[in-house]
């Protein structure tokens, strides 16, 4: 009897540990899948772009880990052009918005 209770206790502790560690490893997302807008500016040197939606503009920083998607296929930083419509998944790093996934609407 004691062996089974110890096994169950171990299982609950292991499950709680895995749940806590995987949740803390993920970045906290802000905004929604509908975030982003139309690209109004792009800075290659700083690797940033600005997207405007509903009279508001946000600047997103791009890193080596940023993933670009164009119409379901893999894209690249060169696909982000002024005038294209994008959706951005991002997290905050200090006061900066860092783009994790940039989905570019195919024309």
N, C-alpha and C. Protein backbone atom coordinates (compact mmCIF):
# COMPACT_ATOMS: atom_id res chain seq x y z
N UNK A 1 0.82 -1.18 0.00
CA UNK A 1 0.00 0.00 0.00
C UNK A 1 0.87 1.25 0.00
N UNK A 2 1.88 1.27 0.82
CA UNK A 2 2.75 2.43 0.90
C UNK A 2 3.48 2.65 -0.42
N UNK A 3 3.85 1.56 -1.09
CA UNK A 3 4.57 1.67 -2.35
C UNK A 3 3.72 2.36 -3.42
N UNK A 4 2.43 2.01 -3.49
CA UNK A 4 1.56 2.60 -4.49
C UNK A 4 1.34 4.09 -4.20
N UNK A 5 1.17 4.45 -2.94
CA UNK A 5 0.97 5.85 -2.59
C UNK A 5 2.23 6.66 -2.90
N UNK A 6 3.40 6.10 -2.65
CA UNK A 6 4.65 6.79 -2.97
C UNK A 6 4.79 6.98 -4.48
N UNK A 7 4.39 5.98 -5.24
CA UNK A 7 4.45 6.06 -6.69
C UNK A 7 3.52 7.16 -7.20
N UNK A 8 2.29 7.24 -6.67
CA UNK A 8 1.34 8.28 -7.08
C UNK A 8 1.85 9.66 -6.70
N UNK A 9 2.42 9.77 -5.52
CA UNK A 9 2.97 11.05 -5.08
C UNK A 9 4.10 11.49 -6.01
N UNK A 10 4.97 10.56 -6.35
CA UNK A 10 6.06 10.86 -7.27
C UNK A 10 5.52 11.31 -8.63
N UNK A 11 4.47 10.66 -9.11
CA UNK A 11 3.87 11.02 -10.39
C UNK A 11 3.32 12.43 -10.39
N UNK A 12 2.61 12.81 -9.31
CA UNK A 12 2.06 14.15 -9.21
C UNK A 12 3.16 15.20 -9.13
N UNK A 13 4.21 14.91 -8.37
CA UNK A 13 5.32 15.86 -8.25
C UNK A 13 6.03 16.02 -9.60
N UNK A 14 6.24 14.93 -10.31
CA UNK A 14 6.90 15.00 -11.62
C UNK A 14 6.06 15.79 -12.61
N UNK A 15 4.74 15.54 -12.63
CA UNK A 15 3.87 16.26 -13.55
C UNK A 15 3.84 17.75 -13.24
N UNK A 16 3.80 18.11 -11.97
CA UNK A 16 3.78 19.52 -11.59
C UNK A 16 5.10 20.19 -11.96
N UNK A 17 6.20 19.50 -11.79
CA UNK A 17 7.51 20.06 -12.13
C UNK A 17 7.62 20.30 -13.63
N UNK A 18 7.19 19.33 -14.43
CA UNK A 18 7.25 19.49 -15.88
C UNK A 18 6.34 20.62 -16.35
N UNK A 19 5.17 20.73 -15.78
CA UNK A 19 4.24 21.79 -16.17
C UNK A 19 4.81 23.16 -15.83
N UNK A 20 5.41 23.29 -14.67
CA UNK A 20 5.96 24.58 -14.24
C UNK A 20 7.18 24.95 -15.07
N UNK A 21 8.04 23.99 -15.38
CA UNK A 21 9.27 24.31 -16.12
C UNK A 21 8.96 24.65 -17.56
N UNK A 22 8.01 23.97 -18.20
CA UNK A 22 7.72 24.27 -19.60
C UNK A 22 6.97 25.59 -19.72
N UNK A 23 6.15 25.93 -18.73
CA UNK A 23 5.42 27.20 -18.79
C UNK A 23 6.36 28.38 -18.59
N UNK A 24 7.37 28.23 -17.76
CA UNK A 24 8.29 29.34 -17.52
C UNK A 24 9.27 29.52 -18.67
N UNK A 25 9.47 28.49 -19.50
CA UNK A 25 10.42 28.59 -20.61
C UNK A 25 9.82 29.34 -21.80
N UNK A 26 8.49 29.40 -21.89
CA UNK A 26 7.87 30.06 -23.03
C UNK A 26 7.83 31.56 -22.82
N UNK A 27 8.02 32.34 -23.90
CA UNK A 27 7.90 33.79 -23.74
C UNK A 27 6.45 34.19 -23.52
N UNK A 28 6.25 35.26 -22.81
CA UNK A 28 4.90 35.77 -22.58
C UNK A 28 4.49 36.57 -23.81
N UNK A 29 3.45 36.12 -24.50
CA UNK A 29 3.00 36.80 -25.69
C UNK A 29 2.07 37.93 -25.35
N UNK A 30 2.20 39.01 -26.06
CA UNK A 30 1.33 40.16 -25.92
C UNK A 30 0.66 40.37 -27.27
N UNK A 31 -0.43 41.05 -27.29
CA UNK A 31 -1.13 41.25 -28.55
C UNK A 31 -1.87 39.98 -28.92
N UNK A 32 -2.23 39.85 -30.15
CA UNK A 32 -2.96 38.68 -30.60
C UNK A 32 -2.47 38.32 -31.99
N UNK A 33 -3.03 37.25 -32.53
CA UNK A 33 -2.66 36.85 -33.89
C UNK A 33 -3.09 37.91 -34.90
N UNK A 34 -4.00 38.79 -34.50
CA UNK A 34 -4.44 39.85 -35.39
C UNK A 34 -3.60 41.10 -35.23
N UNK A 35 -2.53 41.06 -34.44
CA UNK A 35 -1.65 42.21 -34.27
C UNK A 35 -0.89 42.49 -35.55
N UNK A 36 -0.19 43.57 -35.57
CA UNK A 36 0.57 43.93 -36.76
C UNK A 36 -0.14 45.01 -37.54
N UNK A 37 -0.25 44.85 -38.84
CA UNK A 37 -0.89 45.84 -39.69
C UNK A 37 -0.13 45.97 -41.00
N UNK A 38 -0.15 47.16 -41.55
CA UNK A 38 0.56 47.43 -42.79
C UNK A 38 1.93 48.01 -42.47
N UNK A 39 2.96 47.45 -43.08
CA UNK A 39 4.33 47.91 -42.83
C UNK A 39 4.50 49.31 -43.41
N UNK A 40 4.88 50.25 -42.54
CA UNK A 40 5.07 51.64 -42.99
C UNK A 40 6.53 52.04 -43.05
N UNK A 41 7.40 51.31 -42.35
CA UNK A 41 8.84 51.62 -42.36
C UNK A 41 9.63 50.36 -42.06
N UNK A 42 10.86 50.36 -42.56
CA UNK A 42 11.75 49.22 -42.34
C UNK A 42 13.17 49.76 -42.22
N UNK A 43 13.90 49.30 -41.20
CA UNK A 43 15.27 49.75 -40.96
C UNK A 43 16.17 48.52 -40.96
N UNK A 44 16.94 48.36 -42.03
CA UNK A 44 17.81 47.18 -42.16
C UNK A 44 18.94 47.20 -41.14
N UNK A 45 19.49 48.37 -40.85
CA UNK A 45 20.62 48.46 -39.92
C UNK A 45 20.20 48.07 -38.51
N UNK A 46 19.06 48.54 -38.07
CA UNK A 46 18.58 48.22 -36.72
C UNK A 46 17.76 46.94 -36.70
N UNK A 47 17.44 46.40 -37.87
CA UNK A 47 16.59 45.21 -38.02
C UNK A 47 15.25 45.40 -37.29
N UNK A 48 14.58 46.49 -37.65
CA UNK A 48 13.26 46.79 -37.10
C UNK A 48 12.32 47.13 -38.24
N UNK A 49 11.03 46.97 -37.99
CA UNK A 49 10.02 47.45 -38.92
C UNK A 49 8.85 47.99 -38.11
N UNK A 50 8.13 48.91 -38.73
CA UNK A 50 6.99 49.54 -38.09
C UNK A 50 5.74 49.13 -38.84
N UNK A 51 4.73 48.69 -38.09
CA UNK A 51 3.45 48.30 -38.68
C UNK A 51 2.36 49.18 -38.07
N UNK A 52 1.49 49.70 -38.91
CA UNK A 52 0.42 50.58 -38.44
C UNK A 52 -0.93 49.91 -38.67
N UNK A 53 -1.81 50.11 -37.68
CA UNK A 53 -3.17 49.57 -37.75
C UNK A 53 -4.07 50.47 -36.92
N UNK A 54 -5.18 50.89 -37.51
CA UNK A 54 -6.13 51.74 -36.80
C UNK A 54 -5.47 52.99 -36.22
N UNK A 55 -4.71 53.67 -37.03
CA UNK A 55 -4.03 54.93 -36.65
C UNK A 55 -3.01 54.77 -35.53
N UNK A 56 -2.60 53.55 -35.23
CA UNK A 56 -1.55 53.31 -34.23
C UNK A 56 -0.42 52.57 -34.92
N UNK A 57 0.79 52.91 -34.55
CA UNK A 57 1.97 52.26 -35.14
C UNK A 57 2.81 51.63 -34.04
N UNK A 58 3.34 50.46 -34.32
CA UNK A 58 4.21 49.76 -33.38
C UNK A 58 5.48 49.36 -34.12
N UNK A 59 6.60 49.46 -33.42
CA UNK A 59 7.88 49.05 -33.97
C UNK A 59 8.26 47.71 -33.38
N UNK A 60 8.63 46.77 -34.25
CA UNK A 60 9.02 45.43 -33.84
C UNK A 60 10.48 45.20 -34.19
N UNK A 61 11.21 44.57 -33.30
CA UNK A 61 12.61 44.22 -33.51
C UNK A 61 12.68 42.77 -33.99
N UNK A 62 13.56 42.52 -34.93
CA UNK A 62 13.72 41.19 -35.51
C UNK A 62 15.05 40.61 -35.04
N UNK A 63 15.04 39.34 -34.65
CA UNK A 63 16.26 38.66 -34.22
C UNK A 63 16.54 37.48 -35.15
N UNK A 64 17.61 36.75 -34.84
CA UNK A 64 17.93 35.55 -35.61
C UNK A 64 16.90 34.45 -35.38
N UNK A 65 16.18 34.53 -34.27
CA UNK A 65 15.18 33.51 -33.95
C UNK A 65 13.80 33.84 -34.51
N UNK A 66 13.63 35.01 -35.10
CA UNK A 66 12.34 35.39 -35.67
C UNK A 66 12.04 34.51 -36.87
N UNK A 67 10.81 34.00 -36.92
CA UNK A 67 10.39 33.13 -38.03
C UNK A 67 9.47 33.93 -38.93
N UNK A 68 9.69 33.85 -40.23
CA UNK A 68 8.88 34.56 -41.22
C UNK A 68 8.07 33.53 -42.02
N UNK A 69 6.79 33.82 -42.21
CA UNK A 69 5.90 32.93 -42.95
C UNK A 69 5.20 33.75 -44.03
N UNK A 70 5.29 33.28 -45.28
CA UNK A 70 4.63 33.96 -46.40
C UNK A 70 3.64 32.98 -47.01
N UNK A 71 2.35 33.22 -46.77
CA UNK A 71 1.31 32.35 -47.34
C UNK A 71 1.47 30.89 -46.97
N UNK A 72 1.92 30.59 -45.77
CA UNK A 72 2.10 29.22 -45.32
C UNK A 72 3.49 28.65 -45.57
N UNK A 73 4.28 29.29 -46.41
CA UNK A 73 5.64 28.82 -46.69
C UNK A 73 6.64 29.67 -45.90
N UNK A 74 7.84 29.12 -45.76
CA UNK A 74 8.87 29.85 -45.02
C UNK A 74 9.32 31.06 -45.81
N UNK A 75 9.46 32.19 -45.10
CA UNK A 75 9.92 33.41 -45.73
C UNK A 75 11.21 33.89 -45.10
N UNK A 76 11.53 35.17 -45.32
CA UNK A 76 12.76 35.73 -44.75
C UNK A 76 12.54 37.21 -44.48
N UNK A 77 13.55 37.84 -43.89
CA UNK A 77 13.49 39.27 -43.57
C UNK A 77 13.28 40.11 -44.82
N UNK A 78 13.78 39.66 -45.96
CA UNK A 78 13.63 40.42 -47.19
C UNK A 78 12.18 40.47 -47.69
N UNK A 79 11.32 39.59 -47.18
CA UNK A 79 9.91 39.59 -47.57
C UNK A 79 9.11 40.69 -46.87
N UNK A 80 9.67 41.28 -45.81
CA UNK A 80 9.00 42.37 -45.10
C UNK A 80 9.33 43.66 -45.86
N UNK A 81 8.33 44.17 -46.57
CA UNK A 81 8.52 45.38 -47.38
C UNK A 81 7.45 46.39 -47.01
N UNK A 82 7.75 47.65 -47.25
CA UNK A 82 6.78 48.72 -46.99
C UNK A 82 5.55 48.47 -47.86
N UNK A 83 4.38 48.49 -47.22
CA UNK A 83 3.13 48.27 -47.93
C UNK A 83 2.55 46.88 -47.76
N UNK A 84 3.35 45.93 -47.28
CA UNK A 84 2.81 44.58 -47.08
C UNK A 84 2.04 44.52 -45.76
N UNK A 85 1.09 43.60 -45.70
CA UNK A 85 0.28 43.41 -44.50
C UNK A 85 0.86 42.24 -43.73
N UNK A 86 1.11 42.46 -42.43
CA UNK A 86 1.72 41.43 -41.59
C UNK A 86 0.91 41.22 -40.32
N UNK A 87 1.04 40.01 -39.77
CA UNK A 87 0.55 39.69 -38.44
C UNK A 87 1.78 39.29 -37.64
N UNK A 88 1.86 39.78 -36.40
CA UNK A 88 3.08 39.59 -35.62
C UNK A 88 2.75 38.96 -34.27
N UNK A 89 3.47 37.90 -33.93
CA UNK A 89 3.47 37.35 -32.57
C UNK A 89 4.75 37.84 -31.94
N UNK A 90 4.68 38.44 -30.77
CA UNK A 90 5.85 39.09 -30.19
C UNK A 90 5.87 38.93 -28.68
N UNK A 91 7.03 39.21 -28.12
CA UNK A 91 7.18 39.27 -26.67
C UNK A 91 7.96 40.53 -26.33
N UNK A 92 7.83 40.95 -25.10
CA UNK A 92 8.51 42.17 -24.66
C UNK A 92 9.86 41.82 -24.05
N UNK A 93 10.89 42.54 -24.47
CA UNK A 93 12.23 42.42 -23.89
C UNK A 93 12.61 43.83 -23.44
N UNK A 94 12.38 44.10 -22.18
CA UNK A 94 12.57 45.46 -21.68
C UNK A 94 11.44 46.32 -22.22
N UNK A 95 11.79 47.36 -22.94
CA UNK A 95 10.75 48.22 -23.52
C UNK A 95 10.54 47.93 -25.01
N UNK A 96 11.25 46.92 -25.54
CA UNK A 96 11.17 46.62 -26.97
C UNK A 96 10.19 45.49 -27.23
N UNK A 97 9.55 45.55 -28.38
CA UNK A 97 8.69 44.46 -28.86
C UNK A 97 9.54 43.62 -29.80
N UNK A 98 9.79 42.38 -29.42
CA UNK A 98 10.62 41.49 -30.22
C UNK A 98 9.71 40.51 -30.95
N UNK A 99 9.79 40.49 -32.27
CA UNK A 99 8.94 39.64 -33.10
C UNK A 99 9.43 38.20 -33.04
N UNK A 100 8.51 37.28 -32.74
CA UNK A 100 8.82 35.85 -32.76
C UNK A 100 8.39 35.23 -34.08
N UNK A 101 7.18 35.55 -34.53
CA UNK A 101 6.66 35.06 -35.80
C UNK A 101 6.05 36.23 -36.55
N UNK A 102 6.48 36.40 -37.80
CA UNK A 102 5.92 37.44 -38.67
C UNK A 102 5.26 36.72 -39.83
N UNK A 103 3.93 36.83 -39.90
CA UNK A 103 3.17 36.21 -40.98
C UNK A 103 2.86 37.29 -42.01
N UNK A 104 3.31 37.07 -43.23
CA UNK A 104 3.17 38.06 -44.29
C UNK A 104 2.08 37.59 -45.25
N UNK A 105 1.10 38.45 -45.47
CA UNK A 105 0.00 38.09 -46.35
C UNK A 105 0.49 38.07 -47.78
N UNK A 106 0.29 36.93 -48.45
CA UNK A 106 0.70 36.81 -49.86
C UNK A 106 -0.26 37.61 -50.72
N UNK A 107 0.29 38.25 -51.74
CA UNK A 107 -0.56 39.07 -52.62
C UNK A 107 -1.23 38.22 -53.65
